[in-house]
Amino acid sequence: MVKAKSCPKDLLAQEDFTKEDTWRIFRIMSEFVDGFETLSKIGKAVTIFGSARTKPGTQFYKLGEEVAYHIAKAGYAVITGSGPGMMEAANKGAQRAGGHSIGLNIQLPCEQKPNKYVDTVLRFRYFFVRKVMFVKYAKAFVILPGGYGTLDEFFEAITLVQTERIAKFPIILFNSQYWKPLLEWLKNTVYSHGNVDQADLKLFILVDQPKEVARAIKKYYAKP
């Protein structure tokens, strides 16, 4: 098991949003403005999520690169969190296809540097501003194998669609073998207890081949 990096407590304290002064609202506003102005010009895009801990050269890394390659070939810009692992793989695949590779970097106590395959980088101090940017300009979400952060983005997306806070759009889980235990739990536990219904289990698409991800997105938007 890979352990997360530990950060000095004084740095974590500096990032404590609850202790910041109210005037910091202007910083938040500026992040929204910068994000909107930049991303509104990129055209149609797909946001790709996945683990930052995936190593280059591994099977998942190669698959992530291929997924992004075919998405970019289909005419979409690719948006990631700009970090290493699956994010790097996605940006690499988009760049290899000649597509626009975008990274939304987050300022952390243990700094995350944008990977070298990002063409356009935006930097954010606040997670919630960055989350808005992932959703607002995306025609689809692609969820590659990942951990807590990836799960957070997946569940937030299906919750927003379920509650009709945003319009329905393709939310694609890639690699059924990886996601199988989660989907079985949703069906056999969450659904069986009546906490979701059948329609909620159809808010996402399961895909296994890199080419099929782009095809699923195109098929969705080809509907009347």
C-alpha atoms as a PDB file:
ATOM      1  CA  MET A   1       0.000   0.000   0.000  1.00  0.00           C
ATOM      2  CA  VAL A   2       1.368   3.427  -0.957  1.00  0.00           C
ATOM      3  CA  LYS A   3       1.285   5.934   1.894  1.00  0.00           C
ATOM      4  CA  ALA A   4       0.241   9.518   1.255  1.00  0.00           C
ATOM      5  CA  LYS A   5       2.893  12.165   1.754  1.00  0.00           C
ATOM      6  CA  SER A   6       2.851  13.817   5.153  1.00  0.00           C
ATOM      7  CA  CYS A   7       3.071  17.605   5.354  1.00  0.00           C
ATOM      8  CA  PRO A   8       4.319  19.902   8.125  1.00  0.00           C
ATOM      9  CA  LYS A   9       1.506  20.943  10.466  1.00  0.00           C
ATOM     10  CA  ASP A  10       2.332  24.641  10.100  1.00  0.00           C
ATOM     11  CA  LEU A  11       1.749  24.414   6.346  1.00  0.00           C
ATOM     12  CA  LEU A  12      -1.574  22.674   6.866  1.00  0.00           C
ATOM     13  CA  ALA A  13      -2.594  25.379   9.312  1.00  0.00           C
ATOM     14  CA  GLN A  14      -1.843  28.043   6.714  1.00  0.00           C
ATOM     15  CA  GLU A  15      -4.300  26.323   4.360  1.00  0.00           C
ATOM     16  CA  ASP A  16      -7.122  26.212   6.938  1.00  0.00           C
ATOM     17  CA  PHE A  17      -9.979  27.972   5.151  1.00  0.00           C
ATOM     18  CA  THR A  18     -11.952  28.437   8.406  1.00  0.00           C
ATOM     19  CA  LYS A  19      -9.263  30.780   9.777  1.00  0.00           C
ATOM     20  CA  GLU A  20      -9.013  33.051   6.764  1.00  0.00           C
ATOM     21  CA  ASP A  21     -10.293  36.616   6.791  1.00  0.00           C
ATOM     22  CA  THR A  22     -13.513  37.488   4.984  1.00  0.00           C
ATOM     23  CA  TRP A  23     -11.683  39.635   2.432  1.00  0.00           C
ATOM     24  CA  ARG A  24     -10.346  36.416   0.922  1.00  0.00           C
ATOM     25  CA  ILE A  25     -13.658  36.285  -0.940  1.00  0.00           C
ATOM     26  CA  PHE A  26     -11.963  38.486  -3.547  1.00  0.00           C
ATOM     27  CA  ARG A  27      -9.346  35.784  -4.161  1.00  0.00           C
ATOM     28  CA  ILE A  28     -12.160  33.278  -4.637  1.00  0.00           C
ATOM     29  CA  MET A  29     -13.900  35.608  -7.088  1.00  0.00           C
ATOM     30  CA  SER A  30     -10.690  36.091  -9.034  1.00  0.00           C
ATOM     31  CA  GLU A  31     -10.238  32.336  -9.378  1.00  0.00           C
ATOM     32  CA  PHE A  32     -13.762  32.003 -10.768  1.00  0.00           C
ATOM     33  CA  VAL A  33     -13.192  34.875 -13.218  1.00  0.00           C
ATOM     34  CA  ASP A  34      -9.829  33.544 -14.431  1.00  0.00           C
ATOM     35  CA  GLY A  35     -11.246  30.053 -14.822  1.00  0.00           C
ATOM     36  CA  PHE A  36     -14.352  31.169 -16.691  1.00  0.00           C
ATOM     37  CA  GLU A  37     -12.415  33.452 -19.033  1.00  0.00           C
ATOM     38  CA  THR A  38      -9.863  30.794 -19.945  1.00  0.00           C
ATOM     39  CA  LEU A  39     -12.072  27.723 -20.199  1.00  0.00           C
ATOM     40  CA  SER A  40     -14.911  29.434 -22.049  1.00  0.00           C
ATOM     41  CA  LYS A  41     -12.594  29.639 -25.068  1.00  0.00           C
ATOM     42  CA  ILE A  42     -11.556  25.979 -25.299  1.00  0.00           C
ATOM     43  CA  GLY A  43     -14.649  24.636 -27.073  1.00  0.00           C
ATOM     44  CA  LYS A  44     -16.045  21.201 -26.286  1.00  0.00           C
ATOM     45  CA  ALA A  45     -14.043  19.276 -23.707  1.00  0.00           C
ATOM     46  CA  VAL A  46     -14.013  16.084 -21.651  1.00  0.00           C
ATOM     47  CA  THR A  47     -12.800  15.943 -18.059  1.00  0.00           C
ATOM     48  CA  ILE A  48     -10.790  12.862 -17.115  1.00  0.00           C
ATOM     49  CA  PHE A  49     -10.140  11.740 -13.533  1.00  0.00           C
ATOM     50  CA  GLY A  50      -7.867   9.014 -12.176  1.00  0.00           C
ATOM     51  CA  SER A  51      -5.253   8.163  -9.586  1.00  0.00           C
ATOM     52  CA  ALA A  52      -2.235  10.411  -9.121  1.00  0.00           C
ATOM     53  CA  ARG A  53      -0.298   7.346  -7.892  1.00  0.00           C
ATOM     54  CA  THR A  54      -0.393   5.319 -11.107  1.00  0.00           C
ATOM     55  CA  LYS A  55       3.152   4.810 -12.376  1.00  0.00           C
ATOM     56  CA  PRO A  56       4.206   5.465 -15.986  1.00  0.00           C
ATOM     57  CA  GLY A  57       4.550   2.279 -17.974  1.00  0.00           C
ATOM     58  CA  THR A  58       1.879   0.367 -16.057  1.00  0.00           C
ATOM     59  CA  GLN A  59      -1.173  -1.109 -17.752  1.00  0.00           C
ATOM     60  CA  PHE A  60      -3.572   1.468 -16.322  1.00  0.00           C
ATOM     61  CA  TYR A  61      -1.276   4.348 -17.330  1.00  0.00           C
ATOM     62  CA  LYS A  62      -1.127   3.092 -20.923  1.00  0.00           C
ATOM     63  CA  LEU A  63      -4.900   2.588 -21.033  1.00  0.00           C
ATOM     64  CA  GLY A  64      -5.483   6.098 -19.657  1.00  0.00           C
ATOM     65  CA  GLU A  65      -3.244   7.537 -22.353  1.00  0.00           C
ATOM     66  CA  GLU A  66      -5.146   5.660 -25.054  1.00  0.00           C
ATOM     67  CA  VAL A  67      -8.521   6.783 -23.695  1.00  0.00           C
ATOM     68  CA  ALA A  68      -7.464  10.435 -23.890  1.00  0.00           C
ATOM     69  CA  TYR A  69      -5.872   9.929 -27.309  1.00  0.00           C
ATOM     70  CA  HIS A  70      -9.142   8.752 -28.847  1.00  0.00           C
ATOM     71  CA  ILE A  71     -11.135  11.473 -27.073  1.00  0.00           C
ATOM     72  CA  ALA A  72      -8.811  14.131 -28.501  1.00  0.00           C
ATOM     73  CA  LYS A  73      -8.995  12.523 -31.953  1.00  0.00           C
ATOM     74  CA  ALA A  74     -12.776  12.836 -31.702  1.00  0.00           C
ATOM     75  CA  GLY A  75     -12.340  16.605 -31.422  1.00  0.00           C
ATOM     76  CA  TYR A  76     -12.513  17.191 -27.686  1.00  0.00           C
ATOM     77  CA  ALA A  77     -10.082  19.044 -25.469  1.00  0.00           C
ATOM     78  CA  VAL A  78      -8.991  17.029 -22.433  1.00  0.00           C
ATOM     79  CA  ILE A  79      -9.159  18.478 -18.913  1.00  0.00           C
ATOM     80  CA  THR A  80      -7.403  16.863 -15.934  1.00  0.00           C
ATOM     81  CA  GLY A  81      -6.215  17.873 -12.489  1.00  0.00           C
ATOM     82  CA  SER A  82      -2.750  18.417 -14.079  1.00  0.00           C
ATOM     83  CA  GLY A  83      -0.936  16.112 -11.668  1.00  0.00           C
ATOM     84  CA  PRO A  84       0.995  12.855 -12.136  1.00  0.00           C
ATOM     85  CA  GLY A  85      -0.322   9.335 -12.655  1.00  0.00           C
ATOM     86  CA  MET A  86      -3.507   8.935 -14.657  1.00  0.00           C
ATOM     87  CA  MET A  87      -3.796  12.713 -15.049  1.00  0.00           C
ATOM     88  CA  GLU A  88      -0.392  12.791 -16.724  1.00  0.00           C
ATOM     89  CA  ALA A  89      -1.363   9.823 -18.898  1.00  0.00           C
ATOM     90  CA  ALA A  90      -4.515  11.615 -20.059  1.00  0.00           C
ATOM     91  CA  ASN A  91      -2.709  14.859 -20.833  1.00  0.00           C
ATOM     92  CA  LYS A  92      -0.030  12.889 -22.664  1.00  0.00           C
ATOM     93  CA  GLY A  93      -2.590  11.058 -24.772  1.00  0.00           C
ATOM     94  CA  ALA A  94      -4.379  14.280 -25.679  1.00  0.00           C
ATOM     95  CA  GLN A  95      -1.158  15.998 -26.638  1.00  0.00           C
ATOM     96  CA  ARG A  96      -0.035  12.995 -28.707  1.00  0.00           C
ATOM     97  CA  ALA A  97      -3.297  13.187 -30.650  1.00  0.00           C
ATOM     98  CA  GLY A  98      -2.750  16.875 -31.361  1.00  0.00           C
ATOM     99  CA  GLY A  99      -5.595  17.877 -29.070  1.00  0.00           C
ATOM    100  CA  HIS A 100      -5.729  20.617 -26.453  1.00  0.00           C
ATOM    101  CA  SER A 101      -4.390  19.356 -23.119  1.00  0.00           C
ATOM    102  CA  ILE A 102      -5.593  21.314 -20.075  1.00  0.00           C
ATOM    103  CA  GLY A 103      -4.616  21.008 -16.408  1.00  0.00           C
ATOM    104  CA  LEU A 104      -6.411  22.500 -13.411  1.00  0.00           C
ATOM    105  CA  ASN A 105      -3.717  22.476 -10.770  1.00  0.00           C
ATOM    106  CA  ILE A 106      -4.444  22.761  -7.053  1.00  0.00           C
ATOM    107  CA  GLN A 107      -2.223  24.559  -4.561  1.00  0.00           C
ATOM    108  CA  LEU A 108      -1.484  22.126  -1.726  1.00  0.00           C
ATOM    109  CA  PRO A 109       0.780  22.225   1.352  1.00  0.00           C
ATOM    110  CA  CYS A 110       2.794  19.529  -0.452  1.00  0.00           C
ATOM    111  CA  GLU A 111       2.948  21.235  -3.835  1.00  0.00           C
ATOM    112  CA  GLN A 112       1.592  19.438  -6.875  1.00  0.00           C
ATOM    113  CA  LYS A 113       3.401  20.481 -10.028  1.00  0.00           C
ATOM    114  CA  PRO A 114       1.628  20.373 -13.397  1.00  0.00           C
ATOM    115  CA  ASN A 115       2.814  17.489 -15.551  1.00  0.00           C
ATOM    116  CA  LYS A 116       4.848  18.234 -18.670  1.00  0.00           C
ATOM    117  CA  TYR A 117       2.043  17.325 -21.085  1.00  0.00           C
ATOM    118  CA  VAL A 118      -0.266  20.196 -20.116  1.00  0.00           C
ATOM    119  CA  ASP A 119      -0.687  22.894 -22.775  1.00  0.00           C
ATOM    120  CA  THR A 120      -2.855  25.230 -20.706  1.00  0.00           C
ATOM    121  CA  VAL A 121      -2.605  25.297 -16.920  1.00  0.00           C
ATOM    122  CA  LEU A 122      -4.861  27.058 -14.427  1.00  0.00           C
ATOM    123  CA  ARG A 123      -3.883  27.230 -10.770  1.00  0.00           C
ATOM    124  CA  PHE A 124      -6.393  27.131  -7.915  1.00  0.00           C
ATOM    125  CA  ARG A 125      -6.124  27.637  -4.195  1.00  0.00           C
ATOM    126  CA  TYR A 126      -9.662  26.461  -3.444  1.00  0.00           C
ATOM    127  CA  PHE A 127     -10.920  22.971  -4.219  1.00  0.00           C
ATOM    128  CA  PHE A 128     -14.542  24.055  -4.609  1.00  0.00           C
ATOM    129  CA  VAL A 129     -13.670  26.593  -7.336  1.00  0.00           C
ATOM    130  CA  ARG A 130     -11.648  23.963  -9.176  1.00  0.00           C
ATOM    131  CA  LYS A 131     -14.535  21.484  -8.924  1.00  0.00           C
ATOM    132  CA  VAL A 132     -16.857  23.957 -10.634  1.00  0.00           C
ATOM    133  CA  MET A 133     -14.389  24.285 -13.511  1.00  0.00           C
ATOM    134  CA  PHE A 134     -14.202  20.520 -13.985  1.00  0.00           C
ATOM    135  CA  VAL A 135     -17.970  20.369 -14.469  1.00  0.00           C
ATOM    136  CA  LYS A 136     -18.937  23.626 -16.145  1.00  0.00           C
ATOM    137  CA  TYR A 137     -17.074  23.171 -19.422  1.00  0.00           C
ATOM    138  CA  ALA A 138     -17.171  19.363 -19.704  1.00  0.00           C
ATOM    139  CA  LYS A 139     -19.315  17.485 -22.213  1.00  0.00           C
ATOM    140  CA  ALA A 140     -18.515  14.272 -20.329  1.00  0.00           C
ATOM    141  CA  PHE A 141     -16.689  12.870 -17.306  1.00  0.00           C
ATOM    142  CA  VAL A 142     -14.402   9.868 -17.723  1.00  0.00           C
ATOM    143  CA  ILE A 143     -13.550   8.079 -14.473  1.00  0.00           C
ATOM    144  CA  LEU A 144     -10.350   6.062 -14.774  1.00  0.00           C
ATOM    145  CA  PRO A 145      -9.163   3.777 -11.940  1.00  0.00           C
ATOM    146  CA  GLY A 146      -8.399   5.918  -8.903  1.00  0.00           C
ATOM    147  CA  GLY A 147      -8.784   6.500  -5.199  1.00  0.00           C
ATOM    148  CA  TYR A 148     -10.608   8.903  -2.864  1.00  0.00           C
ATOM    149  CA  GLY A 149     -10.304  11.951  -5.091  1.00  0.00           C
ATOM    150  CA  THR A 150     -11.545  10.072  -8.139  1.00  0.00           C
ATOM    151  CA  LEU A 151     -14.453   8.598  -6.169  1.00  0.00           C
ATOM    152  CA  ASP A 152     -15.290  12.065  -4.860  1.00  0.00           C
ATOM    153  CA  GLU A 153     -15.591  13.455  -8.380  1.00  0.00           C
ATOM    154  CA  PHE A 154     -17.619  10.449  -9.575  1.00  0.00           C
ATOM    155  CA  PHE A 155     -20.155  10.570  -6.749  1.00  0.00           C
ATOM    156  CA  GLU A 156     -20.464  14.344  -6.879  1.00  0.00           C
ATOM    157  CA  ALA A 157     -21.206  14.180 -10.613  1.00  0.00           C
ATOM    158  CA  ILE A 158     -23.930  11.528 -10.323  1.00  0.00           C
ATOM    159  CA  THR A 159     -25.392  13.364  -7.318  1.00  0.00           C
ATOM    160  CA  LEU A 160     -25.624  16.624  -9.276  1.00  0.00           C
ATOM    161  CA  VAL A 161     -27.356  14.814 -12.138  1.00  0.00           C
ATOM    162  CA  GLN A 162     -29.624  12.816  -9.800  1.00  0.00           C
ATOM    163  CA  THR A 163     -30.773  15.965  -8.012  1.00  0.00           C
ATOM    164  CA  GLU A 164     -31.113  17.839 -11.322  1.00  0.00           C
ATOM    165  CA  ARG A 165     -28.677  20.543 -10.287  1.00  0.00           C
ATOM    166  CA  ILE A 166     -26.980  20.057 -13.667  1.00  0.00           C
ATOM    167  CA  ALA A 167     -28.211  18.607 -16.957  1.00  0.00           C
ATOM    168  CA  LYS A 168     -27.603  14.921 -17.568  1.00  0.00           C
ATOM    169  CA  PHE A 169     -24.361  14.208 -19.428  1.00  0.00           C
ATOM    170  CA  PRO A 170     -22.162  11.126 -20.022  1.00  0.00           C
ATOM    171  CA  ILE A 171     -20.401   9.891 -16.888  1.00  0.00           C
ATOM    172  CA  ILE A 172     -18.192   6.999 -17.956  1.00  0.00           C
ATOM    173  CA  LEU A 173     -16.513   4.460 -15.691  1.00  0.00           C
ATOM    174  CA  PHE A 174     -13.552   2.894 -17.471  1.00  0.00           C
ATOM    175  CA  ASN A 175     -12.446  -0.694 -16.748  1.00  0.00           C
ATOM    176  CA  SER A 176     -15.274  -2.852 -15.421  1.00  0.00           C
ATOM    177  CA  GLN A 177     -12.908  -5.179 -13.564  1.00  0.00           C
ATOM    178  CA  TYR A 178     -11.669  -2.308 -11.407  1.00  0.00           C
ATOM    179  CA  TRP A 179     -15.129  -0.894 -10.677  1.00  0.00           C
ATOM    180  CA  LYS A 180     -16.986  -4.219 -10.362  1.00  0.00           C
ATOM    181  CA  PRO A 181     -16.873  -4.436  -6.513  1.00  0.00           C
ATOM    182  CA  LEU A 182     -18.165  -0.862  -6.187  1.00  0.00           C
ATOM    183  CA  LEU A 183     -21.014  -1.474  -8.639  1.00  0.00           C
ATOM    184  CA  GLU A 184     -21.974  -4.707  -6.874  1.00  0.00           C
ATOM    185  CA  TRP A 185     -22.104  -2.831  -3.561  1.00  0.00           C
ATOM    186  CA  LEU A 186     -24.292  -0.115  -5.079  1.00  0.00           C
ATOM    187  CA  LYS A 187     -26.685  -2.740  -6.432  1.00  0.00           C
ATOM    188  CA  ASN A 188     -26.657  -5.333  -3.662  1.00  0.00           C
ATOM    189  CA  THR A 189     -26.474  -3.020  -0.665  1.00  0.00           C
ATOM    190  CA  VAL A 190     -27.414   0.567  -1.492  1.00  0.00           C
ATOM    191  CA  TYR A 191     -30.190  -0.306  -3.951  1.00  0.00           C
ATOM    192  CA  SER A 192     -31.484  -3.264  -1.932  1.00  0.00           C
ATOM    193  CA  HIS A 193     -31.960  -0.951   1.066  1.00  0.00           C
ATOM    194  CA  GLY A 194     -33.979   1.468  -1.075  1.00  0.00           C
ATOM    195  CA  ASN A 195     -31.444   4.285  -0.905  1.00  0.00           C
ATOM    196  CA  VAL A 196     -31.263   4.624  -4.703  1.00  0.00           C
ATOM    197  CA  ASP A 197     -33.600   3.462  -7.441  1.00  0.00           C
ATOM    198  CA  GLN A 198     -33.100   1.784 -10.797  1.00  0.00           C
ATOM    199  CA  ALA A 199     -32.818   5.112 -12.630  1.00  0.00           C
ATOM    200  CA  ASP A 200     -29.968   6.150 -10.327  1.00  0.00           C
ATOM    201  CA  LEU A 201     -28.010   3.042 -11.323  1.00  0.00           C
ATOM    202  CA  LYS A 202     -28.245   4.161 -14.957  1.00  0.00           C
ATOM    203  CA  LEU A 203     -26.664   7.571 -14.476  1.00  0.00           C
ATOM    204  CA  PHE A 204     -23.276   6.255 -15.592  1.00  0.00           C
ATOM    205  CA  ILE A 205     -21.858   4.128 -18.417  1.00  0.00           C
ATOM    206  CA  LEU A 206     -19.398   1.247 -18.031  1.00  0.00           C
ATOM    207  CA  VAL A 207     -16.751   0.923 -20.775  1.00  0.00           C
ATOM    208  CA  ASP A 208     -13.746  -1.374 -21.199  1.00  0.00           C
ATOM    209  CA  GLN A 209     -12.011  -0.359 -24.438  1.00  0.00           C
ATOM    210  CA  PRO A 210     -10.264   3.031 -24.945  1.00  0.00           C
ATOM    211  CA  LYS A 211     -11.902   3.592 -28.347  1.00  0.00           C
ATOM    212  CA  GLU A 212     -15.328   2.873 -26.875  1.00  0.00           C
ATOM    213  CA  VAL A 213     -15.082   5.841 -24.501  1.00  0.00           C
ATOM    214  CA  ALA A 214     -15.026   8.364 -27.344  1.00  0.00           C
ATOM    215  CA  ARG A 215     -17.696   6.400 -29.198  1.00  0.00           C
ATOM    216  CA  ALA A 216     -19.967   6.415 -26.141  1.00  0.00           C
ATOM    217  CA  ILE A 217     -19.657  10.201 -25.879  1.00  0.00           C
ATOM    218  CA  LYS A 218     -20.371  10.713 -29.600  1.00  0.00           C
ATOM    219  CA  LYS A 219     -23.307   8.283 -29.444  1.00  0.00           C
ATOM    220  CA  TYR A 220     -24.798  10.166 -26.495  1.00  0.00           C
ATOM    221  CA  TYR A 221     -24.749  13.502 -28.325  1.00  0.00           C
ATOM    222  CA  ALA A 222     -26.000  11.932 -31.554  1.00  0.00           C
ATOM    223  CA  LYS A 223     -29.360  11.271 -29.893  1.00  0.00           C
ATOM    224  CA  PRO A 224     -32.264  13.496 -30.990  1.00  0.00           C
END
